[in-house]
Amino acid sequence: MSKKNVHIVPREDGWAVRREHADRDSSHHRTQGAAIDAGRETARRERTEVVIHDRGGRIRDKDSYGNDPNPPRDKKH
């Protein structure tokens, strides 16, 4: 079974952490920062990728926490 990425997505009342192809959100948060922290923790534990969306739903950023045989050069850090 393939590992599912963790997405940080906007909601009317804040932000949610949601696994890829899931029917429901994993957790809800008042701020995007809190949702990102929770999503990163899940991605680290499951050794997968966290995908951060902006308020419009577009992908803003990604971070990988798995074993990538060809990791990209990180230009953000």
PDB file of N, CA and C in Angstrom:
ATOM      1  N   MET A   1       0.837  -1.179   0.000  1.00  0.00           N
ATOM      2  CA  MET A   1       0.000   0.000   0.000  1.00  0.00           C
ATOM      3  C   MET A   1       0.882   1.243   0.000  1.00  0.00           C
ATOM      4  N   SER A   2       0.590   2.180  -0.884  1.00  0.00           N
ATOM      5  CA  SER A   2       1.402   3.381  -0.958  1.00  0.00           C
ATOM      6  C   SER A   2       1.032   4.349   0.162  1.00  0.00           C
ATOM      7  N   LYS A   3       1.992   5.132   0.563  1.00  0.00           N
ATOM      8  CA  LYS A   3       1.746   6.102   1.620  1.00  0.00           C
ATOM      9  C   LYS A   3       1.043   7.317   1.029  1.00  0.00           C
ATOM     10  N   LYS A   4       0.123   7.857   1.767  1.00  0.00           N
ATOM     11  CA  LYS A   4      -0.665   8.981   1.293  1.00  0.00           C
ATOM     12  C   LYS A   4      -0.091  10.290   1.831  1.00  0.00           C
ATOM     13  N   ASN A   5       0.048  11.270   0.941  1.00  0.00           N
ATOM     14  CA  ASN A   5       0.534  12.578   1.343  1.00  0.00           C
ATOM     15  C   ASN A   5      -0.454  13.235   2.302  1.00  0.00           C
ATOM     16  N   VAL A   6       0.052  14.180   3.079  1.00  0.00           N
ATOM     17  CA  VAL A   6      -0.754  14.926   4.042  1.00  0.00           C
ATOM     18  C   VAL A   6      -0.928  16.340   3.490  1.00  0.00           C
ATOM     19  N   HIS A   7      -2.171  16.787   3.358  1.00  0.00           N
ATOM     20  CA  HIS A   7      -2.462  18.102   2.795  1.00  0.00           C
ATOM     21  C   HIS A   7      -2.965  19.048   3.874  1.00  0.00           C
ATOM     22  N   ILE A   8      -2.518  20.305   3.800  1.00  0.00           N
ATOM     23  CA  ILE A   8      -3.014  21.384   4.656  1.00  0.00           C
ATOM     24  C   ILE A   8      -3.935  22.210   3.769  1.00  0.00           C
ATOM     25  N   VAL A   9      -5.237  22.201   4.078  1.00  0.00           N
ATOM     26  CA  VAL A   9      -6.216  22.819   3.190  1.00  0.00           C
ATOM     27  C   VAL A   9      -7.080  23.839   3.945  1.00  0.00           C
ATOM     28  N   PRO A  10      -7.544  24.882   3.223  1.00  0.00           N
ATOM     29  CA  PRO A  10      -8.383  25.900   3.877  1.00  0.00           C
ATOM     30  C   PRO A  10      -9.805  25.396   4.116  1.00  0.00           C
ATOM     31  N   ARG A  11     -10.402  25.892   5.175  1.00  0.00           N
ATOM     32  CA  ARG A  11     -11.800  25.630   5.513  1.00  0.00           C
ATOM     33  C   ARG A  11     -12.445  26.962   5.888  1.00  0.00           C
ATOM     34  N   GLU A  12     -13.753  27.024   5.909  1.00  0.00           N
ATOM     35  CA  GLU A  12     -14.459  28.273   6.250  1.00  0.00           C
ATOM     36  C   GLU A  12     -14.034  28.816   7.602  1.00  0.00           C
ATOM     37  N   ASP A  13     -13.841  27.928   8.570  1.00  0.00           N
ATOM     38  CA  ASP A  13     -13.545  28.352   9.934  1.00  0.00           C
ATOM     39  C   ASP A  13     -12.081  28.177  10.316  1.00  0.00           C
ATOM     40  N   GLY A  14     -11.198  27.978   9.349  1.00  0.00           N
ATOM     41  CA  GLY A  14      -9.775  27.824   9.653  1.00  0.00           C
ATOM     42  C   GLY A  14      -9.067  26.953   8.637  1.00  0.00           C
ATOM     43  N   TRP A  15      -8.315  25.965   9.135  1.00  0.00           N
ATOM     44  CA  TRP A  15      -7.503  25.100   8.285  1.00  0.00           C
ATOM     45  C   TRP A  15      -7.650  23.649   8.737  1.00  0.00           C
ATOM     46  N   ALA A  16      -7.440  22.733   7.798  1.00  0.00           N
ATOM     47  CA  ALA A  16      -7.578  21.319   8.121  1.00  0.00           C
ATOM     48  C   ALA A  16      -6.363  20.536   7.633  1.00  0.00           C
ATOM     49  N   VAL A  17      -6.086  19.443   8.321  1.00  0.00           N
ATOM     50  CA  VAL A  17      -5.093  18.460   7.897  1.00  0.00           C
ATOM     51  C   VAL A  17      -5.893  17.308   7.304  1.00  0.00           C
ATOM     52  N   ARG A  18      -5.531  16.921   6.082  1.00  0.00           N
ATOM     53  CA  ARG A  18      -6.302  15.877   5.392  1.00  0.00           C
ATOM     54  C   ARG A  18      -5.352  14.978   4.616  1.00  0.00           C
ATOM     55  N   ARG A  19      -5.483  13.677   4.804  1.00  0.00           N
ATOM     56  CA  ARG A  19      -4.680  12.727   4.037  1.00  0.00           C
ATOM     57  C   ARG A  19      -5.235  12.621   2.619  1.00  0.00           C
ATOM     58  N   GLU A  20      -4.351  12.397   1.675  1.00  0.00           N
ATOM     59  CA  GLU A  20      -4.732  12.281   0.280  1.00  0.00           C
ATOM     60  C   GLU A  20      -5.791  11.191   0.094  1.00  0.00           C
ATOM     61  N   HIS A  21      -6.838  11.495  -0.642  1.00  0.00           N
ATOM     62  CA  HIS A  21      -7.942  10.589  -0.976  1.00  0.00           C
ATOM     63  C   HIS A  21      -8.806  10.198   0.228  1.00  0.00           C
ATOM     64  N   ALA A  22      -8.674  10.909   1.330  1.00  0.00           N
ATOM     65  CA  ALA A  22      -9.488  10.602   2.521  1.00  0.00           C
ATOM     66  C   ALA A  22     -10.884  11.209   2.365  1.00  0.00           C
ATOM     67  N   ASP A  23     -11.852  10.601   3.012  1.00  0.00           N
ATOM     68  CA  ASP A  23     -13.217  11.108   2.983  1.00  0.00           C
ATOM     69  C   ASP A  23     -13.434  12.236   3.983  1.00  0.00           C
ATOM     70  N   ARG A  24     -12.626  12.245   5.057  1.00  0.00           N
ATOM     71  CA  ARG A  24     -12.786  13.249   6.103  1.00  0.00           C
ATOM     72  C   ARG A  24     -11.436  13.856   6.464  1.00  0.00           C
ATOM     73  N   ASP A  25     -11.494  15.040   7.068  1.00  0.00           N
ATOM     74  CA  ASP A  25     -10.284  15.697   7.564  1.00  0.00           C
ATOM     75  C   ASP A  25      -9.755  14.952   8.780  1.00  0.00           C
ATOM     76  N   SER A  26      -8.435  14.959   8.943  1.00  0.00           N
ATOM     77  CA  SER A  26      -7.820  14.335  10.114  1.00  0.00           C
ATOM     78  C   SER A  26      -7.956  15.226  11.336  1.00  0.00           C
ATOM     79  N   SER A  27      -7.785  16.551  11.142  1.00  0.00           N
ATOM     80  CA  SER A  27      -7.907  17.492  12.250  1.00  0.00           C
ATOM     81  C   SER A  27      -8.206  18.887  11.711  1.00  0.00           C
ATOM     82  N   HIS A  28      -8.744  19.745  12.590  1.00  0.00           N
ATOM     83  CA  HIS A  28      -9.078  21.133  12.247  1.00  0.00           C
ATOM     84  C   HIS A  28      -8.301  22.068  13.169  1.00  0.00           C
ATOM     85  N   HIS A  29      -7.903  23.240  12.612  1.00  0.00           N
ATOM     86  CA  HIS A  29      -7.096  24.197  13.377  1.00  0.00           C
ATOM     87  C   HIS A  29      -7.540  25.617  13.047  1.00  0.00           C
ATOM     88  N   ARG A  30      -7.392  26.501  14.005  1.00  0.00           N
ATOM     89  CA  ARG A  30      -7.771  27.911  13.798  1.00  0.00           C
ATOM     90  C   ARG A  30      -6.829  28.619  12.855  1.00  0.00           C
ATOM     91  N   THR A  31      -5.528  28.278  12.915  1.00  0.00           N
ATOM     92  CA  THR A  31      -4.544  28.966  12.083  1.00  0.00           C
ATOM     93  C   THR A  31      -3.853  27.994  11.134  1.00  0.00           C
ATOM     94  N   GLN A  32      -3.337  28.536  10.039  1.00  0.00           N
ATOM     95  CA  GLN A  32      -2.599  27.703   9.099  1.00  0.00           C
ATOM     96  C   GLN A  32      -1.327  27.182   9.743  1.00  0.00           C
ATOM     97  N   GLY A  33      -0.692  27.985  10.573  1.00  0.00           N
ATOM     98  CA  GLY A  33       0.534  27.562  11.251  1.00  0.00           C
ATOM     99  C   GLY A  33       0.325  26.340  12.130  1.00  0.00           C
ATOM    100  N   ALA A  34      -0.778  26.329  12.861  1.00  0.00           N
ATOM    101  CA  ALA A  34      -1.077  25.176  13.715  1.00  0.00           C
ATOM    102  C   ALA A  34      -1.349  23.937  12.865  1.00  0.00           C
ATOM    103  N   ALA A  35      -2.047  24.110  11.752  1.00  0.00           N
ATOM    104  CA  ALA A  35      -2.328  22.983  10.855  1.00  0.00           C
ATOM    105  C   ALA A  35      -1.035  22.458  10.224  1.00  0.00           C
ATOM    106  N   ILE A  36      -0.140  23.359   9.850  1.00  0.00           N
ATOM    107  CA  ILE A  36       1.138  22.951   9.270  1.00  0.00           C
ATOM    108  C   ILE A  36       1.953  22.152  10.278  1.00  0.00           C
ATOM    109  N   ASP A  37       2.000  22.613  11.520  1.00  0.00           N
ATOM    110  CA  ASP A  37       2.734  21.885  12.565  1.00  0.00           C
ATOM    111  C   ASP A  37       2.180  20.466  12.734  1.00  0.00           C
ATOM    112  N   ALA A  38       0.849  20.346  12.789  1.00  0.00           N
ATOM    113  CA  ALA A  38       0.226  19.026  12.948  1.00  0.00           C
ATOM    114  C   ALA A  38       0.470  18.160  11.717  1.00  0.00           C
ATOM    115  N   GLY A  39       0.367  18.752  10.537  1.00  0.00           N
ATOM    116  CA  GLY A  39       0.593  18.004   9.302  1.00  0.00           C
ATOM    117  C   GLY A  39       2.028  17.536   9.158  1.00  0.00           C
ATOM    118  N   ARG A  40       2.971  18.373   9.538  1.00  0.00           N
ATOM    119  CA  ARG A  40       4.390  17.980   9.475  1.00  0.00           C
ATOM    120  C   ARG A  40       4.684  16.829  10.432  1.00  0.00           C
ATOM    121  N   GLU A  41       4.103  16.870  11.600  1.00  0.00           N
ATOM    122  CA  GLU A  41       4.295  15.784  12.571  1.00  0.00           C
ATOM    123  C   GLU A  41       3.768  14.467  12.002  1.00  0.00           C
ATOM    124  N   THR A  42       2.599  14.516  11.389  1.00  0.00           N
ATOM    125  CA  THR A  42       2.026  13.312  10.768  1.00  0.00           C
ATOM    126  C   THR A  42       2.913  12.830   9.624  1.00  0.00           C
ATOM    127  N   ALA A  43       3.376  13.756   8.785  1.00  0.00           N
ATOM    128  CA  ALA A  43       4.225  13.383   7.647  1.00  0.00           C
ATOM    129  C   ALA A  43       5.548  12.779   8.117  1.00  0.00           C
ATOM    130  N   ARG A  44       6.121  13.319   9.173  1.00  0.00           N
ATOM    131  CA  ARG A  44       7.370  12.743   9.720  1.00  0.00           C
ATOM    132  C   ARG A  44       7.129  11.328  10.236  1.00  0.00           C
ATOM    133  N   ARG A  45       6.048  11.157  10.975  1.00  0.00           N
ATOM    134  CA  ARG A  45       5.732   9.854  11.552  1.00  0.00           C
ATOM    135  C   ARG A  45       5.465   8.808  10.461  1.00  0.00           C
ATOM    136  N   GLU A  46       4.777   9.210   9.397  1.00  0.00           N
ATOM    137  CA  GLU A  46       4.431   8.282   8.328  1.00  0.00           C
ATOM    138  C   GLU A  46       5.438   8.281   7.179  1.00  0.00           C
ATOM    139  N   ARG A  47       6.477   9.122   7.308  1.00  0.00           N
ATOM    140  CA  ARG A  47       7.549   9.208   6.308  1.00  0.00           C
ATOM    141  C   ARG A  47       6.979   9.449   4.912  1.00  0.00           C
ATOM    142  N   THR A  48       6.213  10.544   4.799  1.00  0.00           N
ATOM    143  CA  THR A  48       5.578  10.910   3.543  1.00  0.00           C
ATOM    144  C   THR A  48       5.753  12.407   3.301  1.00  0.00           C
ATOM    145  N   GLU A  49       4.947  13.001   2.462  1.00  0.00           N
ATOM    146  CA  GLU A  49       5.099  14.396   2.094  1.00  0.00           C
ATOM    147  C   GLU A  49       3.943  15.227   2.637  1.00  0.00           C
ATOM    148  N   VAL A  50       4.248  16.460   3.052  1.00  0.00           N
ATOM    149  CA  VAL A  50       3.206  17.403   3.454  1.00  0.00           C
ATOM    150  C   VAL A  50       3.064  18.416   2.318  1.00  0.00           C
ATOM    151  N   VAL A  51       1.821  18.672   1.907  1.00  0.00           N
ATOM    152  CA  VAL A  51       1.509  19.600   0.817  1.00  0.00           C
ATOM    153  C   VAL A  51       0.684  20.729   1.413  1.00  0.00           C
ATOM    154  N   ILE A  52       1.201  21.950   1.335  1.00  0.00           N
ATOM    155  CA  ILE A  52       0.555  23.113   1.951  1.00  0.00           C
ATOM    156  C   ILE A  52      -0.144  23.926   0.861  1.00  0.00           C
ATOM    157  N   HIS A  53      -1.442  24.144   1.048  1.00  0.00           N
ATOM    158  CA  HIS A  53      -2.243  24.909   0.091  1.00  0.00           C
ATOM    159  C   HIS A  53      -2.444  26.329   0.613  1.00  0.00           C
ATOM    160  N   ASP A  54      -2.660  27.282  -0.320  1.00  0.00           N
ATOM    161  CA  ASP A  54      -2.961  28.648   0.102  1.00  0.00           C
ATOM    162  C   ASP A  54      -4.466  28.798   0.293  1.00  0.00           C
ATOM    163  N   ARG A  55      -4.924  29.988   0.648  1.00  0.00           N
ATOM    164  CA  ARG A  55      -6.339  30.226   0.935  1.00  0.00           C
ATOM    165  C   ARG A  55      -7.214  29.911  -0.290  1.00  0.00           C
ATOM    166  N   GLY A  56      -6.686  30.058  -1.502  1.00  0.00           N
ATOM    167  CA  GLY A  56      -7.426  29.763  -2.730  1.00  0.00           C
ATOM    168  C   GLY A  56      -7.423  28.286  -3.105  1.00  0.00           C
ATOM    169  N   GLY A  57      -6.697  27.460  -2.329  1.00  0.00           N
ATOM    170  CA  GLY A  57      -6.657  26.032  -2.593  1.00  0.00           C
ATOM    171  C   GLY A  57      -5.490  25.587  -3.470  1.00  0.00           C
ATOM    172  N   ARG A  58      -4.703  26.537  -3.978  1.00  0.00           N
ATOM    173  CA  ARG A  58      -3.542  26.195  -4.804  1.00  0.00           C
ATOM    174  C   ARG A  58      -2.376  25.744  -3.932  1.00  0.00           C
ATOM    175  N   ILE A  59      -1.540  24.869  -4.471  1.00  0.00           N
ATOM    176  CA  ILE A  59      -0.381  24.381  -3.718  1.00  0.00           C
ATOM    177  C   ILE A  59       0.621  25.522  -3.557  1.00  0.00           C
ATOM    178  N   ARG A  60       0.982  25.780  -2.317  1.00  0.00           N
ATOM    179  CA  ARG A  60       1.911  26.848  -1.975  1.00  0.00           C
ATOM    180  C   ARG A  60       3.309  26.325  -1.711  1.00  0.00           C
ATOM    181  N   ASP A  61       3.390  25.127  -1.117  1.00  0.00           N
ATOM    182  CA  ASP A  61       4.681  24.590  -0.694  1.00  0.00           C
ATOM    183  C   ASP A  61       4.553  23.090  -0.459  1.00  0.00           C
ATOM    184  N   LYS A  62       5.685  22.387  -0.498  1.00  0.00           N
ATOM    185  CA  LYS A  62       5.738  20.952  -0.213  1.00  0.00           C
ATOM    186  C   LYS A  62       7.004  20.661   0.570  1.00  0.00           C
ATOM    187  N   ASP A  63       6.928  19.694   1.456  1.00  0.00           N
ATOM    188  CA  ASP A  63       8.103  19.197   2.176  1.00  0.00           C
ATOM    189  C   ASP A  63       7.999  17.688   2.262  1.00  0.00           C
ATOM    190  N   SER A  64       9.101  17.006   1.966  1.00  0.00           N
ATOM    191  CA  SER A  64       9.113  15.550   1.984  1.00  0.00           C
ATOM    192  C   SER A  64       9.837  15.063   3.231  1.00  0.00           C
ATOM    193  N   TYR A  65       9.265  14.041   3.872  1.00  0.00           N
ATOM    194  CA  TYR A  65       9.857  13.456   5.069  1.00  0.00           C
ATOM    195  C   TYR A  65      10.102  11.967   4.901  1.00  0.00           C
ATOM    196  N   GLY A  66      10.062  11.482   3.658  1.00  0.00           N
ATOM    197  CA  GLY A  66      10.278  10.070   3.391  1.00  0.00           C
ATOM    198  C   GLY A  66      11.669   9.809   2.860  1.00  0.00           C
ATOM    199  N   ASN A  67      11.894   8.580   2.438  1.00  0.00           N
ATOM    200  CA  ASN A  67      13.162   8.204   1.833  1.00  0.00           C
ATOM    201  C   ASN A  67      13.076   8.433   0.337  1.00  0.00           C
ATOM    202  N   ASP A  68      13.577   9.546  -0.123  1.00  0.00           N
ATOM    203  CA  ASP A  68      13.560   9.880  -1.541  1.00  0.00           C
ATOM    204  C   ASP A  68      14.918   9.519  -2.130  1.00  0.00           C
ATOM    205  N   PRO A  69      14.997   8.578  -3.094  1.00  0.00           N
ATOM    206  CA  PRO A  69      16.287   8.189  -3.652  1.00  0.00           C
ATOM    207  C   PRO A  69      16.942   9.302  -4.461  1.00  0.00           C
ATOM    208  N   ASN A  70      16.153  10.255  -4.951  1.00  0.00           N
ATOM    209  CA  ASN A  70      16.674  11.389  -5.720  1.00  0.00           C
ATOM    210  C   ASN A  70      16.117  12.683  -5.158  1.00  0.00           C
ATOM    211  N   PRO A  71      16.552  13.082  -3.975  1.00  0.00           N
ATOM    212  CA  PRO A  71      15.970  14.281  -3.369  1.00  0.00           C
ATOM    213  C   PRO A  71      16.334  15.541  -4.149  1.00  0.00           C
ATOM    214  N   PRO A  72      15.397  16.484  -4.265  1.00  0.00           N
ATOM    215  CA  PRO A  72      15.709  17.752  -4.933  1.00  0.00           C
ATOM    216  C   PRO A  72      16.601  18.596  -4.046  1.00  0.00           C
ATOM    217  N   ARG A  73      17.286  19.498  -4.669  1.00  0.00           N
ATOM    218  CA  ARG A  73      18.106  20.429  -3.875  1.00  0.00           C
ATOM    219  C   ARG A  73      17.168  21.430  -3.224  1.00  0.00           C
ATOM    220  N   ASP A  74      17.241  21.526  -1.938  1.00  0.00           N
ATOM    221  CA  ASP A  74      16.355  22.395  -1.169  1.00  0.00           C
ATOM    222  C   ASP A  74      16.840  23.830  -1.284  1.00  0.00           C
ATOM    223  N   LYS A  75      16.078  24.667  -1.969  1.00  0.00           N
ATOM    224  CA  LYS A  75      16.467  26.062  -2.152  1.00  0.00           C
ATOM    225  C   LYS A  75      15.788  26.971  -1.140  1.00  0.00           C
ATOM    226  N   LYS A  76      14.909  26.409  -0.296  1.00  0.00           N
ATOM    227  CA  LYS A  76      14.195  27.215   0.698  1.00  0.00           C
ATOM    228  C   LYS A  76      15.006  27.397   1.975  1.00  0.00           C
ATOM    229  N   HIS A  77      15.856  26.438   2.315  1.00  0.00           N
ATOM    230  CA  HIS A  77      16.520  26.450   3.622  1.00  0.00           C
ATOM    231  C   HIS A  77      17.999  26.622   3.448  1.00  0.00           C
TER     232      HIS A  77
END
